[in-house]
């Protein structure tokens, strides 16, 4: 190792040791069916937009978010145990690999700048090996990420994402399962707690008026706790820097 590469190594190591703020990503799910979903664009900070495919307003809102340098993911409907209607672009247990790939391809053609997908419902599909393996193979080929909304404890999604080397994360906190200001604040406080404890946390909310009102007030509080609101892709592990490669090769 030359003295220059040794210096590069220590610079890299020192940079890694500098304390960094905790980071959270807040995903707004279910965007696309209502014109009022565009109000999510007014939220402060790096909100991540999870857009339902083939919906009346989804593509337009996705394009506006993308132009504002926000991450957009496709909120892919997946079969649930409840049998609820899934809407267009859904993946079901009856599909074979060709059908799943075709459905995902159409969604990606509509929103080609999406950085990945997360599941809308999916309490049944995410527990099944083959459909999730086919999904992860597709994501790997397209260099996309997967975020597990964790609608069931039996989800196989993340383990299969890891098996197929697909960058992945999972939801830790749902912010608005109850449309009550006190409840949303309580959940937001939980998000802050987990961020301080784990450094990287994913939360999911929805474009309800009550949620939008609460988040306008709550999001600025993150900075008071030295927590950064980041795009979802920023939470994923970064590739080794050039400096570390230089040090390793000598």
Protein backbone atom coordinates (compact mmCIF):
# COMPACT_ATOMS: atom_id res chain seq x y z
CA UNK A 1 0.00 0.00 0.00
CA UNK A 2 1.53 3.33 -1.05
CA UNK A 3 1.57 6.36 1.24
CA UNK A 4 -1.07 7.98 -0.98
CA UNK A 5 -3.45 5.06 -0.83
CA UNK A 6 -2.80 4.78 2.92
CA UNK A 7 -3.75 8.44 3.30
CA UNK A 8 -6.85 7.83 1.19
CA UNK A 9 -7.79 4.93 3.43
CA UNK A 10 -7.52 7.01 6.59
CA UNK A 11 -9.50 9.87 5.02
CA UNK A 12 -12.22 7.40 4.11
CA UNK A 13 -12.16 5.85 7.59
CA UNK A 14 -12.34 9.26 9.27
CA UNK A 15 -15.31 10.26 7.14
CA UNK A 16 -17.11 7.09 8.11
CA UNK A 17 -16.50 7.76 11.79
CA UNK A 18 -18.04 11.22 11.74
CA UNK A 19 -21.37 11.02 13.54
CA UNK A 20 -24.29 11.29 11.15
CA UNK A 21 -27.83 12.30 11.88
CA UNK A 22 -30.46 9.61 12.06
CA UNK A 23 -32.49 9.33 8.87
CA UNK A 24 -36.13 8.58 8.19
CA UNK A 25 -38.08 8.10 4.99
CA UNK A 26 -41.80 8.83 4.94
CA UNK A 27 -43.69 7.12 2.14
CA UNK A 28 -47.13 8.40 1.18
CA UNK A 29 -49.05 5.38 -0.15
CA UNK A 30 -52.21 5.09 -2.25
CA UNK A 31 -51.57 8.06 -4.52
CA UNK A 32 -53.51 8.23 -7.75
CA UNK A 33 -57.26 7.94 -7.41
CA UNK A 34 -58.13 11.40 -6.08
CA UNK A 35 -57.24 14.79 -7.50
CA UNK A 36 -56.63 15.96 -3.93
CA UNK A 37 -53.73 13.48 -3.70
CA UNK A 38 -51.68 16.22 -5.34
CA UNK A 39 -51.73 18.04 -1.99
CA UNK A 40 -48.99 15.64 -0.90
CA UNK A 41 -46.65 17.64 -3.15
CA UNK A 42 -46.90 20.54 -0.68
CA UNK A 43 -45.49 18.52 2.22
CA UNK A 44 -42.09 19.79 3.37
CA UNK A 45 -38.94 17.78 2.80
CA UNK A 46 -38.03 14.63 0.94
CA UNK A 47 -41.31 12.76 0.92
CA UNK A 48 -41.36 9.51 -1.08
CA UNK A 49 -44.40 9.03 -3.32
CA UNK A 50 -45.91 5.54 -3.70
CA UNK A 51 -48.17 5.75 -6.74
CA UNK A 52 -50.84 3.21 -7.65
CA UNK A 53 -50.46 2.12 -11.30
CA UNK A 54 -52.99 3.03 -14.00
CA UNK A 55 -54.96 5.47 -11.84
CA UNK A 56 -56.57 8.75 -12.98
CA UNK A 57 -54.07 11.09 -11.31
CA UNK A 58 -51.13 8.83 -10.48
CA UNK A 59 -48.92 9.48 -13.49
CA UNK A 60 -49.27 13.28 -13.32
CA UNK A 61 -48.51 13.44 -9.60
CA UNK A 62 -45.60 11.05 -10.06
CA UNK A 63 -44.12 13.26 -12.78
CA UNK A 64 -44.47 16.37 -10.61
CA UNK A 65 -42.80 14.63 -7.68
CA UNK A 66 -39.99 13.38 -9.91
CA UNK A 67 -39.41 16.87 -11.30
CA UNK A 68 -39.04 18.06 -7.69
CA UNK A 69 -36.29 15.46 -7.13
CA UNK A 70 -38.47 13.28 -4.89
CA UNK A 71 -38.29 9.51 -5.04
CA UNK A 72 -41.26 7.80 -6.67
CA UNK A 73 -42.05 4.11 -6.20
CA UNK A 74 -44.86 2.07 -7.71
CA UNK A 75 -47.43 0.98 -5.14
CA UNK A 76 -48.19 -2.42 -6.64
CA UNK A 77 -51.52 -3.98 -5.56
CA UNK A 78 -51.00 -7.52 -4.33
CA UNK A 79 -53.57 -10.11 -3.35
CA UNK A 80 -54.70 -10.01 0.27
CA UNK A 81 -56.29 -12.59 2.52
CA UNK A 82 -59.38 -10.39 2.85
CA UNK A 83 -60.28 -10.68 -0.82
CA UNK A 84 -60.59 -6.90 -1.21
CA UNK A 85 -60.75 -5.49 -4.74
CA UNK A 86 -57.22 -4.75 -5.92
CA UNK A 87 -57.67 -2.38 -8.83
CA UNK A 88 -55.58 -2.22 -12.02
CA UNK A 89 -52.02 -3.46 -12.17
CA UNK A 90 -52.51 -6.07 -9.45
CA UNK A 91 -50.51 -9.23 -8.83
CA UNK A 92 -52.42 -12.32 -7.74
CA UNK A 93 -51.59 -15.85 -6.67
CA UNK A 94 -53.16 -17.24 -9.86
CA UNK A 95 -50.61 -15.51 -12.11
CA UNK A 96 -47.62 -17.29 -13.57
CA UNK A 97 -44.23 -15.66 -14.01
CA UNK A 98 -45.01 -14.34 -17.49
CA UNK A 99 -48.16 -12.60 -16.25
CA UNK A 100 -46.39 -11.09 -13.26
CA UNK A 101 -43.55 -9.78 -15.41
CA UNK A 102 -46.00 -8.35 -17.94
CA UNK A 103 -48.01 -6.59 -15.22
CA UNK A 104 -44.90 -5.08 -13.64
CA UNK A 105 -43.58 -4.05 -17.05
CA UNK A 106 -46.76 -2.12 -17.85
CA UNK A 107 -46.59 -0.32 -14.50
CA UNK A 108 -42.95 0.59 -15.06
CA UNK A 109 -43.66 1.83 -18.58
CA UNK A 110 -46.18 4.24 -17.10
CA UNK A 111 -43.72 5.51 -14.46
CA UNK A 112 -40.28 4.73 -15.95
CA UNK A 113 -38.40 6.86 -13.41
CA UNK A 114 -39.67 4.86 -10.42
CA UNK A 115 -36.81 3.73 -8.20
CA UNK A 116 -38.67 0.62 -7.05
CA UNK A 117 -41.93 -0.77 -5.74
CA UNK A 118 -43.76 -1.45 -2.50
CA UNK A 119 -46.81 -3.59 -1.89
CA UNK A 120 -50.38 -2.33 -1.64
CA UNK A 121 -52.14 -4.88 0.59
CA UNK A 122 -50.46 -8.21 -0.21
CA UNK A 123 -51.15 -10.12 3.00
CA UNK A 124 -51.56 -13.25 0.88
CA UNK A 125 -49.17 -12.76 -2.02
CA UNK A 126 -46.17 -11.72 0.08
CA UNK A 127 -46.35 -15.04 1.94
CA UNK A 128 -46.00 -17.08 -1.27
CA UNK A 129 -42.58 -18.12 -2.53
CA UNK A 130 -43.01 -18.29 -6.30
CA UNK A 131 -44.85 -14.99 -6.97
CA UNK A 132 -42.41 -13.08 -4.78
CA UNK A 133 -39.39 -14.83 -6.32
CA UNK A 134 -40.62 -13.89 -9.80
CA UNK A 135 -41.17 -10.32 -8.62
CA UNK A 136 -37.67 -10.07 -7.16
CA UNK A 137 -36.08 -11.53 -10.29
CA UNK A 138 -37.81 -8.80 -12.30
CA UNK A 139 -36.68 -6.06 -9.89
CA UNK A 140 -33.10 -7.32 -9.97
CA UNK A 141 -33.06 -7.22 -13.77
CA UNK A 142 -34.43 -3.67 -13.78
CA UNK A 143 -32.14 -2.51 -10.93
CA UNK A 144 -35.09 -1.51 -8.77
CA UNK A 145 -35.57 -1.57 -5.00
CA UNK A 146 -38.26 -3.24 -2.91
CA UNK A 147 -39.93 -1.84 0.20
CA UNK A 148 -42.01 -4.31 2.20
CA UNK A 149 -45.07 -2.57 3.62
CA UNK A 150 -45.30 -5.52 6.05
CA UNK A 151 -49.03 -6.19 5.88
CA UNK A 152 -48.43 -9.64 7.38
CA UNK A 153 -45.87 -11.12 9.73
CA UNK A 154 -45.59 -14.06 7.36
CA UNK A 155 -44.13 -11.99 4.53
CA UNK A 156 -41.37 -13.69 2.55
CA UNK A 157 -40.70 -10.55 0.52
CA UNK A 158 -37.55 -9.27 2.18
CA UNK A 159 -35.91 -12.66 2.54
CA UNK A 160 -36.45 -13.26 -1.18
CA UNK A 161 -35.26 -9.75 -2.01
CA UNK A 162 -32.02 -10.56 -0.21
CA UNK A 163 -31.80 -13.91 -1.99
CA UNK A 164 -32.05 -12.15 -5.37
CA UNK A 165 -29.76 -9.31 -4.25
CA UNK A 166 -32.48 -6.67 -4.55
CA UNK A 167 -31.88 -3.59 -2.34
CA UNK A 168 -34.67 -3.64 0.22
CA UNK A 169 -36.15 -2.13 3.36
CA UNK A 170 -39.29 -2.65 5.41
CA UNK A 171 -41.86 -0.38 6.97
CA UNK A 172 -41.44 0.19 10.70
CA UNK A 173 -44.30 2.58 11.52
CA UNK A 174 -47.75 3.24 10.06
CA UNK A 175 -48.50 6.86 10.92
CA UNK A 176 -52.22 7.08 10.26
CA UNK A 177 -54.05 3.81 10.85
CA UNK A 178 -56.41 6.04 12.81
CA UNK A 179 -57.37 9.43 11.38
CA UNK A 180 -56.99 11.26 14.65
CA UNK A 181 -54.48 14.05 15.28
CA UNK A 182 -53.52 12.68 18.69
CA UNK A 183 -52.93 9.19 17.26
CA UNK A 184 -50.86 10.49 14.33
CA UNK A 185 -48.69 12.53 16.70
CA UNK A 186 -48.27 9.49 18.92
CA UNK A 187 -47.12 7.44 15.93
CA UNK A 188 -44.80 10.22 14.83
CA UNK A 189 -43.21 10.23 18.28
CA UNK A 190 -42.69 6.49 17.85
CA UNK A 191 -40.99 7.19 14.53
CA UNK A 192 -38.62 9.61 16.28
CA UNK A 193 -37.89 7.02 18.96
CA UNK A 194 -37.01 4.33 16.43
CA UNK A 195 -34.93 6.77 14.39
CA UNK A 196 -32.80 7.63 17.40
CA UNK A 197 -32.47 3.95 18.27
CA UNK A 198 -31.89 2.42 14.82
CA UNK A 199 -30.63 5.39 12.76
CA UNK A 200 -32.64 4.40 9.64
CA UNK A 201 -36.43 4.03 9.73
CA UNK A 202 -39.23 3.80 7.17
CA UNK A 203 -42.72 5.13 7.91
CA UNK A 204 -45.84 4.93 5.78
CA UNK A 205 -48.77 7.34 5.69
CA UNK A 206 -51.65 8.06 3.32
CA UNK A 207 -52.97 11.16 1.53
CA UNK A 208 -55.85 11.78 3.96
CA UNK A 209 -56.60 15.43 4.82
CA UNK A 210 -56.06 14.66 8.50
CA UNK A 211 -52.64 13.18 7.75
CA UNK A 212 -51.59 16.07 5.53
CA UNK A 213 -52.56 18.57 8.22
CA UNK A 214 -50.64 16.69 10.89
CA UNK A 215 -47.50 16.17 8.82
CA UNK A 216 -47.25 19.85 7.92
CA UNK A 217 -46.68 20.48 11.62
CA UNK A 218 -44.81 17.32 12.57
CA UNK A 219 -42.20 17.02 9.82
CA UNK A 220 -40.32 20.20 10.87
CA UNK A 221 -39.92 18.68 14.34
CA UNK A 222 -37.52 16.06 12.96
CA UNK A 223 -34.72 18.63 12.68
CA UNK A 224 -35.07 19.46 16.37
CA UNK A 225 -34.11 15.86 17.10
CA UNK A 226 -31.21 15.83 14.61
CA UNK A 227 -33.14 13.55 12.27
CA UNK A 228 -33.01 14.02 8.50
CA UNK A 229 -36.00 13.32 6.28
CA UNK A 230 -34.57 11.63 3.18
CA UNK A 231 -35.70 9.98 -0.02
CA UNK A 232 -36.21 6.25 0.39
CA UNK A 233 -33.22 5.45 -1.83
CA UNK A 234 -30.94 7.37 0.56
CA UNK A 235 -31.62 4.81 3.31
CA UNK A 236 -30.16 1.97 1.29
CA UNK A 237 -26.51 1.01 1.76
CA UNK A 238 -24.17 2.94 -0.49
CA UNK A 239 -21.52 1.37 -2.66
CA UNK A 240 -17.88 1.55 -1.48
CA UNK A 241 -16.25 4.86 -2.29
CA UNK A 242 -13.42 5.26 -4.78
CA UNK A 243 -11.06 5.96 -1.89
CA UNK A 244 -11.75 2.62 -0.23
CA UNK A 245 -11.31 0.80 -3.54
CA UNK A 246 -7.96 2.45 -4.11
CA UNK A 247 -6.78 1.48 -0.63
CA UNK A 248 -7.95 -2.10 -1.08
CA UNK A 249 -6.30 -2.60 -4.46
CA UNK A 250 -2.77 -1.57 -3.41
